N, C-alpha and C. Protein backbone atom coordinates (compact mmCIF):
# COMPACT_ATOMS: atom_id res chain seq x y z
N MET A 1 11.04 -10.78 4.73
CA MET A 1 11.51 -9.41 4.57
C MET A 1 10.65 -8.70 3.53
N LEU A 2 10.69 -7.38 3.58
CA LEU A 2 9.92 -6.56 2.66
C LEU A 2 10.82 -6.11 1.52
N SER A 3 10.33 -6.25 0.30
CA SER A 3 11.08 -5.84 -0.88
C SER A 3 10.24 -4.88 -1.71
N ILE A 4 10.92 -4.11 -2.54
CA ILE A 4 10.23 -3.24 -3.48
C ILE A 4 10.60 -3.67 -4.89
N ILE A 5 9.58 -3.80 -5.73
CA ILE A 5 9.78 -4.24 -7.11
C ILE A 5 9.30 -3.14 -8.04
N SER A 6 10.13 -2.78 -9.00
CA SER A 6 9.75 -1.84 -10.05
C SER A 6 9.97 -2.53 -11.40
N TYR A 7 9.67 -1.82 -12.49
CA TYR A 7 9.89 -2.41 -13.80
C TYR A 7 11.35 -2.78 -14.01
N LYS A 8 12.25 -2.09 -13.29
CA LYS A 8 13.68 -2.36 -13.45
C LYS A 8 14.11 -3.68 -12.82
N SER A 9 13.33 -4.17 -11.86
CA SER A 9 13.77 -5.36 -11.11
C SER A 9 12.88 -6.57 -11.31
N ILE A 10 11.88 -6.48 -12.19
CA ILE A 10 10.99 -7.63 -12.41
C ILE A 10 11.77 -8.86 -12.86
N SER A 11 12.74 -8.65 -13.74
CA SER A 11 13.47 -9.80 -14.29
C SER A 11 14.29 -10.53 -13.23
N THR A 12 14.72 -9.81 -12.20
CA THR A 12 15.51 -10.45 -11.15
C THR A 12 14.67 -10.82 -9.93
N SER A 13 13.38 -10.45 -9.96
CA SER A 13 12.48 -10.76 -8.84
C SER A 13 11.20 -11.41 -9.37
N ALA A 14 11.36 -12.28 -10.37
CA ALA A 14 10.19 -12.85 -11.03
C ALA A 14 9.30 -13.64 -10.09
N ASP A 15 9.89 -14.44 -9.21
CA ASP A 15 9.08 -15.24 -8.27
C ASP A 15 8.20 -14.34 -7.41
N LEU A 16 8.78 -13.25 -6.92
CA LEU A 16 8.02 -12.34 -6.08
C LEU A 16 6.97 -11.57 -6.88
N PHE A 17 7.36 -11.11 -8.06
CA PHE A 17 6.43 -10.32 -8.86
C PHE A 17 5.20 -11.12 -9.25
N PHE A 18 5.40 -12.29 -9.81
CA PHE A 18 4.25 -13.09 -10.22
C PHE A 18 3.54 -13.72 -9.01
N GLY A 19 4.31 -13.98 -7.94
CA GLY A 19 3.69 -14.49 -6.72
C GLY A 19 2.75 -13.48 -6.10
N HIS A 20 3.08 -12.20 -6.21
CA HIS A 20 2.19 -11.18 -5.64
C HIS A 20 0.89 -11.11 -6.42
N HIS A 21 0.96 -11.31 -7.74
CA HIS A 21 -0.27 -11.36 -8.55
C HIS A 21 -1.12 -12.59 -8.18
N ARG A 22 -0.46 -13.70 -7.84
CA ARG A 22 -1.21 -14.88 -7.42
C ARG A 22 -1.86 -14.66 -6.05
N LEU A 23 -1.14 -13.98 -5.15
CA LEU A 23 -1.74 -13.67 -3.85
C LEU A 23 -2.95 -12.76 -4.02
N ARG A 24 -2.86 -11.79 -4.89
CA ARG A 24 -4.00 -10.91 -5.17
C ARG A 24 -5.18 -11.72 -5.70
N HIS A 25 -4.93 -12.71 -6.55
CA HIS A 25 -6.00 -13.57 -7.03
C HIS A 25 -6.65 -14.31 -5.87
N GLN A 26 -5.82 -14.84 -5.00
CA GLN A 26 -6.33 -15.59 -3.84
C GLN A 26 -7.19 -14.71 -2.94
N GLU A 27 -6.69 -13.51 -2.63
CA GLU A 27 -7.36 -12.67 -1.64
C GLU A 27 -8.50 -11.84 -2.20
N PHE A 28 -8.40 -11.40 -3.44
CA PHE A 28 -9.44 -10.52 -3.98
C PHE A 28 -10.48 -11.25 -4.83
N ILE A 29 -10.09 -12.30 -5.51
CA ILE A 29 -11.03 -13.01 -6.37
C ILE A 29 -11.58 -14.25 -5.68
N GLU A 30 -10.70 -15.12 -5.20
CA GLU A 30 -11.18 -16.34 -4.56
C GLU A 30 -11.90 -16.04 -3.24
N ARG A 31 -11.36 -15.12 -2.46
CA ARG A 31 -11.93 -14.88 -1.13
C ARG A 31 -13.02 -13.81 -1.13
N GLN A 32 -12.88 -12.77 -1.97
CA GLN A 32 -13.81 -11.65 -1.93
C GLN A 32 -14.62 -11.47 -3.21
N SER A 33 -14.37 -12.31 -4.20
CA SER A 33 -15.18 -12.31 -5.44
C SER A 33 -15.14 -11.00 -6.20
N TYR A 34 -13.98 -10.33 -6.23
CA TYR A 34 -13.83 -9.13 -7.05
C TYR A 34 -14.06 -9.50 -8.52
N SER A 35 -14.67 -8.60 -9.24
CA SER A 35 -14.88 -8.79 -10.67
C SER A 35 -13.80 -8.00 -11.42
N VAL A 36 -12.62 -8.58 -11.51
CA VAL A 36 -11.48 -7.94 -12.16
C VAL A 36 -10.78 -8.94 -13.06
N LYS A 37 -9.75 -8.49 -13.73
CA LYS A 37 -9.09 -9.31 -14.74
C LYS A 37 -8.28 -10.45 -14.11
N VAL A 38 -8.27 -11.58 -14.81
CA VAL A 38 -7.55 -12.77 -14.35
C VAL A 38 -6.84 -13.40 -15.54
N PHE A 39 -5.61 -13.87 -15.31
CA PHE A 39 -4.91 -14.65 -16.31
C PHE A 39 -4.01 -15.64 -15.60
N ASP A 40 -4.19 -16.92 -15.90
CA ASP A 40 -3.32 -17.97 -15.40
C ASP A 40 -3.17 -17.92 -13.88
N GLY A 41 -4.30 -17.72 -13.19
CA GLY A 41 -4.28 -17.72 -11.74
C GLY A 41 -3.72 -16.47 -11.10
N MET A 42 -3.62 -15.39 -11.89
CA MET A 42 -3.09 -14.13 -11.39
C MET A 42 -4.11 -13.02 -11.63
N GLU A 43 -4.22 -12.10 -10.67
CA GLU A 43 -5.12 -10.95 -10.80
C GLU A 43 -4.33 -9.73 -11.23
N PHE A 44 -4.90 -8.92 -12.13
CA PHE A 44 -4.25 -7.68 -12.55
C PHE A 44 -5.32 -6.71 -13.03
N ASP A 45 -4.96 -5.46 -13.15
CA ASP A 45 -5.90 -4.47 -13.67
C ASP A 45 -5.13 -3.39 -14.43
N GLU A 46 -5.85 -2.33 -14.84
CA GLU A 46 -5.24 -1.30 -15.68
C GLU A 46 -4.25 -0.42 -14.93
N TYR A 47 -4.17 -0.56 -13.62
CA TYR A 47 -3.25 0.26 -12.84
C TYR A 47 -1.92 -0.44 -12.57
N ASP A 48 -1.77 -1.63 -13.10
CA ASP A 48 -0.46 -2.31 -13.09
C ASP A 48 0.33 -1.78 -14.28
N THR A 49 1.06 -0.69 -14.08
CA THR A 49 1.76 -0.02 -15.16
C THR A 49 3.27 -0.07 -14.94
N LEU A 50 4.01 0.41 -15.92
CA LEU A 50 5.46 0.48 -15.79
C LEU A 50 5.88 1.43 -14.69
N ALA A 51 5.00 2.35 -14.31
CA ALA A 51 5.32 3.31 -13.25
C ALA A 51 5.03 2.77 -11.86
N SER A 52 4.35 1.65 -11.77
CA SER A 52 3.95 1.12 -10.46
C SER A 52 5.14 0.57 -9.67
N LEU A 53 5.04 0.73 -8.36
CA LEU A 53 6.00 0.12 -7.43
C LEU A 53 5.23 -0.87 -6.58
N TYR A 54 5.83 -2.02 -6.31
CA TYR A 54 5.16 -3.07 -5.55
C TYR A 54 5.95 -3.37 -4.27
N LEU A 55 5.26 -3.28 -3.14
CA LEU A 55 5.83 -3.70 -1.87
C LEU A 55 5.43 -5.16 -1.65
N VAL A 56 6.40 -6.02 -1.49
CA VAL A 56 6.14 -7.46 -1.42
C VAL A 56 6.86 -8.04 -0.22
N TYR A 57 6.11 -8.76 0.62
CA TYR A 57 6.70 -9.40 1.79
C TYR A 57 6.83 -10.89 1.54
N SER A 58 8.04 -11.41 1.80
CA SER A 58 8.32 -12.84 1.66
C SER A 58 9.45 -13.21 2.60
N GLU A 59 9.37 -14.37 3.18
CA GLU A 59 10.44 -14.82 4.07
C GLU A 59 11.49 -15.66 3.35
N ASP A 60 11.10 -16.26 2.24
CA ASP A 60 12.04 -17.12 1.53
C ASP A 60 12.40 -16.60 0.14
N GLY A 61 11.90 -15.43 -0.22
CA GLY A 61 12.20 -14.87 -1.53
C GLY A 61 11.39 -15.47 -2.67
N LYS A 62 10.45 -16.35 -2.34
CA LYS A 62 9.63 -17.00 -3.37
C LYS A 62 8.14 -16.95 -3.04
N GLN A 63 7.77 -17.35 -1.82
CA GLN A 63 6.38 -17.39 -1.41
C GLN A 63 5.97 -16.02 -0.87
N VAL A 64 5.04 -15.37 -1.56
CA VAL A 64 4.60 -14.03 -1.16
C VAL A 64 3.51 -14.14 -0.11
N GLN A 65 3.67 -13.41 0.98
CA GLN A 65 2.72 -13.45 2.08
C GLN A 65 1.97 -12.14 2.28
N GLY A 66 2.41 -11.08 1.63
CA GLY A 66 1.73 -9.79 1.74
C GLY A 66 2.23 -8.88 0.64
N CYS A 67 1.41 -7.90 0.26
CA CYS A 67 1.82 -7.00 -0.82
C CYS A 67 0.94 -5.76 -0.87
N SER A 68 1.39 -4.77 -1.59
CA SER A 68 0.60 -3.61 -1.94
C SER A 68 1.24 -2.95 -3.15
N ARG A 69 0.48 -2.03 -3.76
CA ARG A 69 0.94 -1.38 -4.99
C ARG A 69 0.85 0.13 -4.82
N LEU A 70 1.85 0.84 -5.35
CA LEU A 70 1.86 2.30 -5.37
C LEU A 70 2.02 2.78 -6.80
N THR A 71 1.17 3.74 -7.21
CA THR A 71 1.18 4.24 -8.58
C THR A 71 0.97 5.76 -8.56
N PRO A 72 1.73 6.52 -9.34
CA PRO A 72 1.50 7.97 -9.39
C PRO A 72 0.12 8.28 -9.97
N VAL A 73 -0.63 9.15 -9.29
CA VAL A 73 -2.03 9.36 -9.68
C VAL A 73 -2.16 9.97 -11.06
N HIS A 74 -1.16 10.75 -11.51
CA HIS A 74 -1.31 11.39 -12.82
C HIS A 74 -1.18 10.40 -13.97
N LEU A 75 -0.79 9.16 -13.66
CA LEU A 75 -0.72 8.13 -14.70
C LEU A 75 -1.85 7.10 -14.56
N GLY A 76 -2.85 7.44 -13.77
CA GLY A 76 -3.99 6.54 -13.58
C GLY A 76 -4.29 6.37 -12.11
N CYS A 77 -5.55 6.57 -11.74
CA CYS A 77 -5.91 6.57 -10.32
C CYS A 77 -7.27 5.89 -10.15
N MET A 78 -7.28 4.77 -9.47
CA MET A 78 -8.52 4.03 -9.23
C MET A 78 -9.53 4.87 -8.45
N LEU A 79 -9.05 5.58 -7.45
CA LEU A 79 -9.94 6.40 -6.64
C LEU A 79 -10.63 7.46 -7.48
N GLN A 80 -9.90 8.10 -8.36
CA GLN A 80 -10.48 9.12 -9.22
C GLN A 80 -11.41 8.52 -10.27
N ASP A 81 -11.00 7.41 -10.87
CA ASP A 81 -11.76 6.84 -11.97
C ASP A 81 -13.05 6.16 -11.53
N HIS A 82 -13.06 5.57 -10.35
CA HIS A 82 -14.20 4.75 -9.94
C HIS A 82 -14.89 5.20 -8.65
N PHE A 83 -14.19 5.96 -7.82
CA PHE A 83 -14.77 6.33 -6.52
C PHE A 83 -14.55 7.81 -6.20
N ALA A 84 -14.61 8.66 -7.22
CA ALA A 84 -14.32 10.08 -7.03
C ALA A 84 -15.26 10.74 -6.02
N TYR A 85 -16.47 10.18 -5.87
CA TYR A 85 -17.44 10.76 -4.93
C TYR A 85 -17.00 10.61 -3.47
N LEU A 86 -15.97 9.84 -3.21
CA LEU A 86 -15.44 9.70 -1.86
C LEU A 86 -14.51 10.85 -1.47
N VAL A 87 -14.17 11.70 -2.45
CA VAL A 87 -13.19 12.77 -2.23
C VAL A 87 -13.87 14.12 -2.37
N ASP A 88 -13.76 14.96 -1.35
CA ASP A 88 -14.38 16.28 -1.37
C ASP A 88 -13.65 17.26 -2.27
N ASP A 89 -12.32 17.20 -2.27
CA ASP A 89 -11.52 18.16 -3.05
C ASP A 89 -10.76 17.42 -4.15
N PRO A 90 -11.26 17.46 -5.39
CA PRO A 90 -10.65 16.69 -6.47
C PRO A 90 -9.28 17.19 -6.92
N THR A 91 -8.85 18.35 -6.41
CA THR A 91 -7.53 18.84 -6.82
C THR A 91 -6.41 17.93 -6.35
N ILE A 92 -6.70 17.07 -5.40
CA ILE A 92 -5.67 16.14 -4.93
C ILE A 92 -5.23 15.18 -6.03
N PHE A 93 -6.07 15.03 -7.06
CA PHE A 93 -5.73 14.11 -8.14
C PHE A 93 -4.78 14.73 -9.17
N THR A 94 -4.47 16.02 -9.03
CA THR A 94 -3.65 16.70 -10.04
C THR A 94 -2.21 16.89 -9.61
N ALA A 95 -1.88 16.55 -8.38
CA ALA A 95 -0.52 16.77 -7.89
C ALA A 95 0.42 15.68 -8.38
N ALA A 96 1.53 16.10 -8.96
CA ALA A 96 2.48 15.14 -9.52
C ALA A 96 3.16 14.30 -8.45
N ASP A 97 3.21 14.81 -7.22
CA ASP A 97 3.90 14.07 -6.15
C ASP A 97 2.92 13.28 -5.27
N THR A 98 1.70 13.07 -5.76
CA THR A 98 0.71 12.25 -5.06
C THR A 98 0.65 10.87 -5.71
N TRP A 99 0.74 9.83 -4.89
CA TRP A 99 0.65 8.46 -5.37
C TRP A 99 -0.55 7.78 -4.73
N GLU A 100 -1.00 6.72 -5.36
CA GLU A 100 -2.14 5.97 -4.83
C GLU A 100 -1.70 4.59 -4.37
N GLY A 101 -2.13 4.22 -3.17
CA GLY A 101 -1.88 2.88 -2.66
C GLY A 101 -3.10 2.00 -2.88
N THR A 102 -2.90 0.86 -3.50
CA THR A 102 -4.00 -0.06 -3.79
C THR A 102 -3.51 -1.50 -3.61
N ARG A 103 -4.46 -2.42 -3.69
CA ARG A 103 -4.19 -3.86 -3.64
C ARG A 103 -3.35 -4.27 -2.42
N PHE A 104 -3.70 -3.70 -1.29
CA PHE A 104 -3.06 -4.05 -0.02
C PHE A 104 -3.67 -5.36 0.46
N CYS A 105 -2.88 -6.40 0.57
CA CYS A 105 -3.43 -7.66 1.06
C CYS A 105 -2.36 -8.50 1.74
N ILE A 106 -2.81 -9.34 2.65
CA ILE A 106 -1.97 -10.28 3.38
C ILE A 106 -2.62 -11.65 3.31
N ASP A 107 -1.83 -12.67 3.19
CA ASP A 107 -2.34 -14.03 3.08
C ASP A 107 -3.24 -14.35 4.28
N SER A 108 -4.53 -14.51 4.03
CA SER A 108 -5.51 -14.72 5.10
C SER A 108 -5.37 -16.08 5.77
N ARG A 109 -4.59 -16.98 5.20
CA ARG A 109 -4.40 -18.31 5.79
C ARG A 109 -3.36 -18.30 6.91
N LEU A 110 -2.62 -17.22 7.03
CA LEU A 110 -1.58 -17.12 8.06
C LEU A 110 -2.21 -16.86 9.43
N PRO A 111 -1.53 -17.26 10.51
CA PRO A 111 -2.04 -16.96 11.86
C PRO A 111 -2.06 -15.45 12.09
N ALA A 112 -2.90 -15.02 13.04
CA ALA A 112 -3.13 -13.60 13.28
C ALA A 112 -1.84 -12.85 13.62
N ASP A 113 -0.98 -13.44 14.44
CA ASP A 113 0.23 -12.72 14.83
C ASP A 113 1.16 -12.52 13.64
N LYS A 114 1.19 -13.48 12.73
CA LYS A 114 2.02 -13.34 11.53
C LYS A 114 1.45 -12.28 10.59
N ARG A 115 0.14 -12.27 10.44
CA ARG A 115 -0.49 -11.25 9.60
C ARG A 115 -0.19 -9.85 10.16
N ALA A 116 -0.26 -9.71 11.47
CA ALA A 116 0.02 -8.41 12.10
C ALA A 116 1.47 -7.99 11.86
N HIS A 117 2.37 -8.95 11.92
CA HIS A 117 3.80 -8.68 11.67
C HIS A 117 4.01 -8.16 10.25
N ILE A 118 3.38 -8.80 9.29
CA ILE A 118 3.51 -8.37 7.89
C ILE A 118 2.86 -7.02 7.68
N LEU A 119 1.70 -6.82 8.29
CA LEU A 119 0.99 -5.56 8.19
C LEU A 119 1.88 -4.40 8.65
N ARG A 120 2.59 -4.59 9.75
CA ARG A 120 3.46 -3.54 10.25
C ARG A 120 4.57 -3.22 9.25
N HIS A 121 5.14 -4.24 8.65
CA HIS A 121 6.18 -4.01 7.65
C HIS A 121 5.66 -3.17 6.49
N ILE A 122 4.48 -3.52 5.98
CA ILE A 122 3.97 -2.82 4.80
C ILE A 122 3.54 -1.40 5.14
N SER A 123 2.92 -1.20 6.30
CA SER A 123 2.46 0.14 6.66
C SER A 123 3.64 1.10 6.81
N VAL A 124 4.72 0.65 7.46
CA VAL A 124 5.91 1.49 7.57
C VAL A 124 6.62 1.59 6.22
N GLY A 125 6.58 0.50 5.46
CA GLY A 125 7.17 0.51 4.13
C GLY A 125 6.56 1.54 3.21
N TYR A 126 5.25 1.80 3.36
CA TYR A 126 4.60 2.87 2.59
C TYR A 126 5.36 4.18 2.77
N LEU A 127 5.60 4.55 4.03
CA LEU A 127 6.24 5.83 4.32
C LEU A 127 7.70 5.84 3.88
N GLU A 128 8.39 4.74 4.12
CA GLU A 128 9.80 4.67 3.72
C GLU A 128 9.94 4.80 2.21
N CYS A 129 9.09 4.11 1.49
CA CYS A 129 9.11 4.17 0.03
C CYS A 129 8.78 5.59 -0.44
N ALA A 130 7.76 6.20 0.17
CA ALA A 130 7.34 7.55 -0.23
C ALA A 130 8.47 8.55 -0.03
N LEU A 131 9.15 8.49 1.11
CA LEU A 131 10.23 9.42 1.38
C LEU A 131 11.41 9.21 0.43
N HIS A 132 11.73 7.96 0.17
CA HIS A 132 12.86 7.65 -0.72
C HIS A 132 12.61 8.13 -2.14
N PHE A 133 11.38 8.00 -2.63
CA PHE A 133 11.08 8.35 -4.01
C PHE A 133 10.47 9.75 -4.16
N GLY A 134 10.43 10.53 -3.09
CA GLY A 134 9.99 11.90 -3.19
C GLY A 134 8.49 12.10 -3.32
N MET A 135 7.72 11.18 -2.80
CA MET A 135 6.26 11.35 -2.80
C MET A 135 5.86 12.28 -1.65
N ALA A 136 4.89 13.14 -1.90
CA ALA A 136 4.39 14.02 -0.84
C ALA A 136 3.29 13.35 -0.03
N ARG A 137 2.52 12.49 -0.68
CA ARG A 137 1.41 11.82 0.01
C ARG A 137 1.01 10.57 -0.75
N ILE A 138 0.35 9.68 -0.02
CA ILE A 138 -0.24 8.48 -0.61
C ILE A 138 -1.73 8.51 -0.30
N ILE A 139 -2.56 8.33 -1.31
CA ILE A 139 -4.00 8.32 -1.12
C ILE A 139 -4.54 6.93 -1.43
N GLY A 140 -5.74 6.66 -0.94
CA GLY A 140 -6.37 5.38 -1.22
C GLY A 140 -7.69 5.27 -0.49
N LEU A 141 -8.34 4.14 -0.61
CA LEU A 141 -9.60 3.90 0.07
C LEU A 141 -9.60 2.52 0.70
N MET A 142 -10.24 2.43 1.86
CA MET A 142 -10.37 1.19 2.61
C MET A 142 -11.60 1.30 3.49
N PRO A 143 -12.12 0.18 3.99
CA PRO A 143 -13.12 0.27 5.06
C PRO A 143 -12.54 1.06 6.23
N THR A 144 -13.37 1.87 6.87
CA THR A 144 -12.89 2.73 7.95
C THR A 144 -12.20 1.93 9.07
N LEU A 145 -12.73 0.77 9.41
CA LEU A 145 -12.13 -0.05 10.46
C LEU A 145 -10.73 -0.51 10.07
N ILE A 146 -10.54 -0.81 8.79
CA ILE A 146 -9.23 -1.28 8.33
C ILE A 146 -8.25 -0.12 8.25
N LEU A 147 -8.73 1.08 7.89
CA LEU A 147 -7.85 2.24 7.91
C LEU A 147 -7.25 2.42 9.30
N ARG A 148 -8.08 2.24 10.31
CA ARG A 148 -7.59 2.41 11.68
C ARG A 148 -6.63 1.28 12.07
N SER A 149 -6.99 0.04 11.75
CA SER A 149 -6.17 -1.09 12.19
C SER A 149 -4.87 -1.21 11.41
N VAL A 150 -4.88 -0.83 10.14
CA VAL A 150 -3.68 -0.96 9.32
C VAL A 150 -2.71 0.20 9.56
N PHE A 151 -3.25 1.40 9.62
CA PHE A 151 -2.38 2.58 9.68
C PHE A 151 -2.38 3.27 11.05
N GLU A 152 -3.51 3.73 11.51
CA GLU A 152 -3.52 4.56 12.71
C GLU A 152 -3.01 3.82 13.94
N ARG A 153 -3.34 2.55 14.08
CA ARG A 153 -2.84 1.79 15.22
C ARG A 153 -1.35 1.52 15.11
N ASN A 154 -0.80 1.76 13.95
CA ASN A 154 0.64 1.58 13.74
C ASN A 154 1.36 2.90 13.60
N GLY A 155 0.78 3.95 14.17
CA GLY A 155 1.47 5.23 14.25
C GLY A 155 1.41 6.10 13.02
N VAL A 156 0.58 5.77 12.04
CA VAL A 156 0.48 6.54 10.81
C VAL A 156 -0.79 7.39 10.85
N ALA A 157 -0.63 8.70 10.85
CA ALA A 157 -1.77 9.61 10.89
C ALA A 157 -2.40 9.71 9.50
N LEU A 158 -3.73 9.79 9.46
CA LEU A 158 -4.47 9.86 8.22
C LEU A 158 -5.27 11.15 8.15
N ASP A 159 -5.38 11.69 6.94
CA ASP A 159 -6.30 12.78 6.67
C ASP A 159 -7.46 12.21 5.85
N ARG A 160 -8.67 12.26 6.42
CA ARG A 160 -9.84 11.78 5.67
C ARG A 160 -10.14 12.74 4.52
N LEU A 161 -10.40 12.19 3.35
CA LEU A 161 -10.64 13.01 2.16
C LEU A 161 -12.12 13.25 1.90
N GLY A 162 -12.99 12.59 2.64
CA GLY A 162 -14.42 12.74 2.47
C GLY A 162 -15.16 11.83 3.42
N ALA A 163 -16.46 11.88 3.38
CA ALA A 163 -17.29 11.05 4.26
C ALA A 163 -17.28 9.60 3.80
N PRO A 164 -17.48 8.66 4.72
CA PRO A 164 -17.56 7.24 4.33
C PRO A 164 -18.87 6.95 3.59
N HIS A 165 -18.81 5.94 2.72
CA HIS A 165 -19.98 5.50 1.96
C HIS A 165 -20.07 3.98 2.02
N ALA A 166 -21.27 3.48 1.86
CA ALA A 166 -21.47 2.03 1.74
C ALA A 166 -21.14 1.60 0.32
N ILE A 167 -20.28 0.60 0.19
CA ILE A 167 -19.91 0.07 -1.12
C ILE A 167 -19.88 -1.45 -1.00
N GLY A 168 -20.67 -2.12 -1.82
CA GLY A 168 -20.71 -3.58 -1.80
C GLY A 168 -21.13 -4.11 -0.44
N ASP A 169 -20.32 -5.00 0.09
CA ASP A 169 -20.62 -5.60 1.39
C ASP A 169 -20.14 -4.76 2.56
N HIS A 170 -19.50 -3.63 2.28
CA HIS A 170 -18.92 -2.80 3.33
C HIS A 170 -19.83 -1.61 3.63
N ALA A 171 -20.16 -1.43 4.90
CA ALA A 171 -21.04 -0.33 5.29
C ALA A 171 -20.33 1.01 5.24
N LYS A 172 -19.01 1.02 5.47
CA LYS A 172 -18.27 2.27 5.51
C LYS A 172 -16.93 2.12 4.80
N ILE A 173 -16.86 2.67 3.60
CA ILE A 173 -15.60 2.78 2.86
C ILE A 173 -15.22 4.25 2.82
N GLN A 174 -13.95 4.55 3.07
CA GLN A 174 -13.55 5.95 3.14
C GLN A 174 -12.22 6.16 2.44
N ALA A 175 -12.08 7.32 1.79
CA ALA A 175 -10.81 7.70 1.18
C ALA A 175 -9.99 8.48 2.19
N ALA A 176 -8.68 8.28 2.15
CA ALA A 176 -7.79 8.94 3.10
C ALA A 176 -6.44 9.22 2.44
N SER A 177 -5.70 10.11 3.08
CA SER A 177 -4.38 10.50 2.59
C SER A 177 -3.36 10.34 3.70
N ILE A 178 -2.18 9.86 3.35
CA ILE A 178 -1.05 9.75 4.27
C ILE A 178 0.01 10.77 3.84
N ALA A 179 0.32 11.72 4.70
CA ALA A 179 1.39 12.67 4.41
C ALA A 179 2.73 12.00 4.62
N ALA A 180 3.59 12.07 3.61
CA ALA A 180 4.90 11.42 3.68
C ALA A 180 5.90 12.38 4.27
N THR A 181 6.08 12.30 5.58
CA THR A 181 7.04 13.14 6.28
C THR A 181 7.93 12.27 7.16
N PHE A 182 9.08 12.80 7.54
CA PHE A 182 9.96 12.04 8.42
C PHE A 182 9.37 11.92 9.82
N ASP A 183 8.57 12.90 10.24
CA ASP A 183 7.88 12.76 11.53
C ASP A 183 6.94 11.57 11.52
N GLN A 184 6.19 11.44 10.43
CA GLN A 184 5.28 10.30 10.29
C GLN A 184 6.07 8.99 10.33
N TYR A 185 7.15 8.97 9.58
CA TYR A 185 7.96 7.75 9.50
C TYR A 185 8.53 7.39 10.87
N ARG A 186 9.04 8.40 11.59
CA ARG A 186 9.59 8.15 12.92
C ARG A 186 8.52 7.61 13.86
N ASN A 187 7.33 8.21 13.83
CA ASN A 187 6.24 7.76 14.70
C ASN A 187 5.83 6.32 14.39
N ALA A 188 5.78 6.00 13.10
CA ALA A 188 5.40 4.64 12.70
C ALA A 188 6.46 3.63 13.12
N CYS A 189 7.73 4.00 12.99
CA CYS A 189 8.80 3.10 13.42
C CYS A 189 8.71 2.83 14.92
N ARG A 190 8.44 3.88 15.69
CA ARG A 190 8.32 3.71 17.13
C ARG A 190 7.13 2.84 17.49
N ALA A 191 6.00 3.07 16.83
CA ALA A 191 4.78 2.34 17.17
C ALA A 191 4.87 0.86 16.81
N THR A 192 5.60 0.54 15.76
CA THR A 192 5.66 -0.83 15.25
C THR A 192 6.91 -1.58 15.66
N GLY A 193 7.93 -0.86 16.08
CA GLY A 193 9.22 -1.50 16.34
C GLY A 193 10.00 -1.77 15.08
N MET A 194 9.53 -1.23 13.95
CA MET A 194 10.23 -1.39 12.69
C MET A 194 11.32 -0.34 12.55
N ASP A 195 12.34 -0.63 11.76
CA ASP A 195 13.38 0.35 11.45
C ASP A 195 13.85 0.09 10.03
N SER A 196 13.34 0.90 9.11
CA SER A 196 13.71 0.79 7.70
C SER A 196 13.49 -0.63 7.16
N PRO A 197 12.22 -1.09 7.11
CA PRO A 197 11.95 -2.45 6.63
C PRO A 197 12.37 -2.68 5.18
N LEU A 198 12.46 -1.60 4.39
CA LEU A 198 12.91 -1.74 3.01
C LEU A 198 14.41 -1.52 2.85
N GLY A 199 15.07 -1.02 3.90
CA GLY A 199 16.49 -0.75 3.82
C GLY A 199 16.83 0.44 2.96
N LEU A 200 15.88 1.37 2.80
CA LEU A 200 16.10 2.53 1.94
C LEU A 200 16.56 3.76 2.72
N LEU A 201 16.24 3.82 4.02
CA LEU A 201 16.56 4.98 4.83
C LEU A 201 17.42 4.56 6.02
N SER A 202 18.53 5.24 6.22
CA SER A 202 19.38 4.96 7.37
C SER A 202 18.87 5.72 8.58
N SER A 203 19.21 5.25 9.76
CA SER A 203 18.83 5.94 11.00
C SER A 203 19.41 7.34 11.04
N THR A 204 20.62 7.51 10.51
CA THR A 204 21.26 8.83 10.48
C THR A 204 20.46 9.80 9.62
N GLU A 205 20.02 9.33 8.46
CA GLU A 205 19.22 10.17 7.56
C GLU A 205 17.90 10.55 8.21
N THR A 206 17.28 9.59 8.90
CA THR A 206 16.00 9.87 9.55
C THR A 206 16.18 10.92 10.65
N ARG A 207 17.21 10.78 11.46
CA ARG A 207 17.44 11.74 12.53
C ARG A 207 17.72 13.14 11.99
N ARG A 208 18.39 13.22 10.84
CA ARG A 208 18.74 14.50 10.25
C ARG A 208 17.52 15.30 9.83
N HIS A 209 16.43 14.61 9.52
CA HIS A 209 15.23 15.28 9.02
C HIS A 209 14.17 15.49 10.08
N VAL A 210 14.44 15.07 11.29
CA VAL A 210 13.45 15.19 12.36
C VAL A 210 13.94 16.20 13.39
N ALA A 211 13.08 17.13 13.73
CA ALA A 211 13.46 18.16 14.71
C ALA A 211 13.59 17.51 16.09
């Protein structure tokens, strides 16, 4: 199941919280050789703040199999700080209701069908979380092929924020924005077969906001 962890719930979700940092170490440092901070087998950076929200997928409540992080851009934004040249209009970094999605990963040791199942939960969870917490949009960067496979193939429309660039081993990295609307959420639910993976939005509430 997909869970959301904030600073308020770390003490009651310790296995998931620290497990997600260990999964990030596995996927970003061991597998992709990211040059980022490490402590005791866990990966972290300056964007792990008290304001961050973590989407964490686990079937047993202990072993984390997928995760991502959401952080309000006005309290720190990786895209702005390190990859601002990917964005044509920098005013997107000043909106209080804009959040950044980062550290999206799924355990690469899992079979393909399981990874796809988790991916669908997290992609729809982005929108559900955004609507519940009043976010207008989520921004971030990914390889263009992954943007399509993670979001667009799962019913989530993207607005490209600039042209793709070669970064590291990736020929095309691109910044994009997801508008957090109930139409988007409804389309993603239909495309994935998901229905409120976080349990934050009822079907009645969703229908009330969709024409």
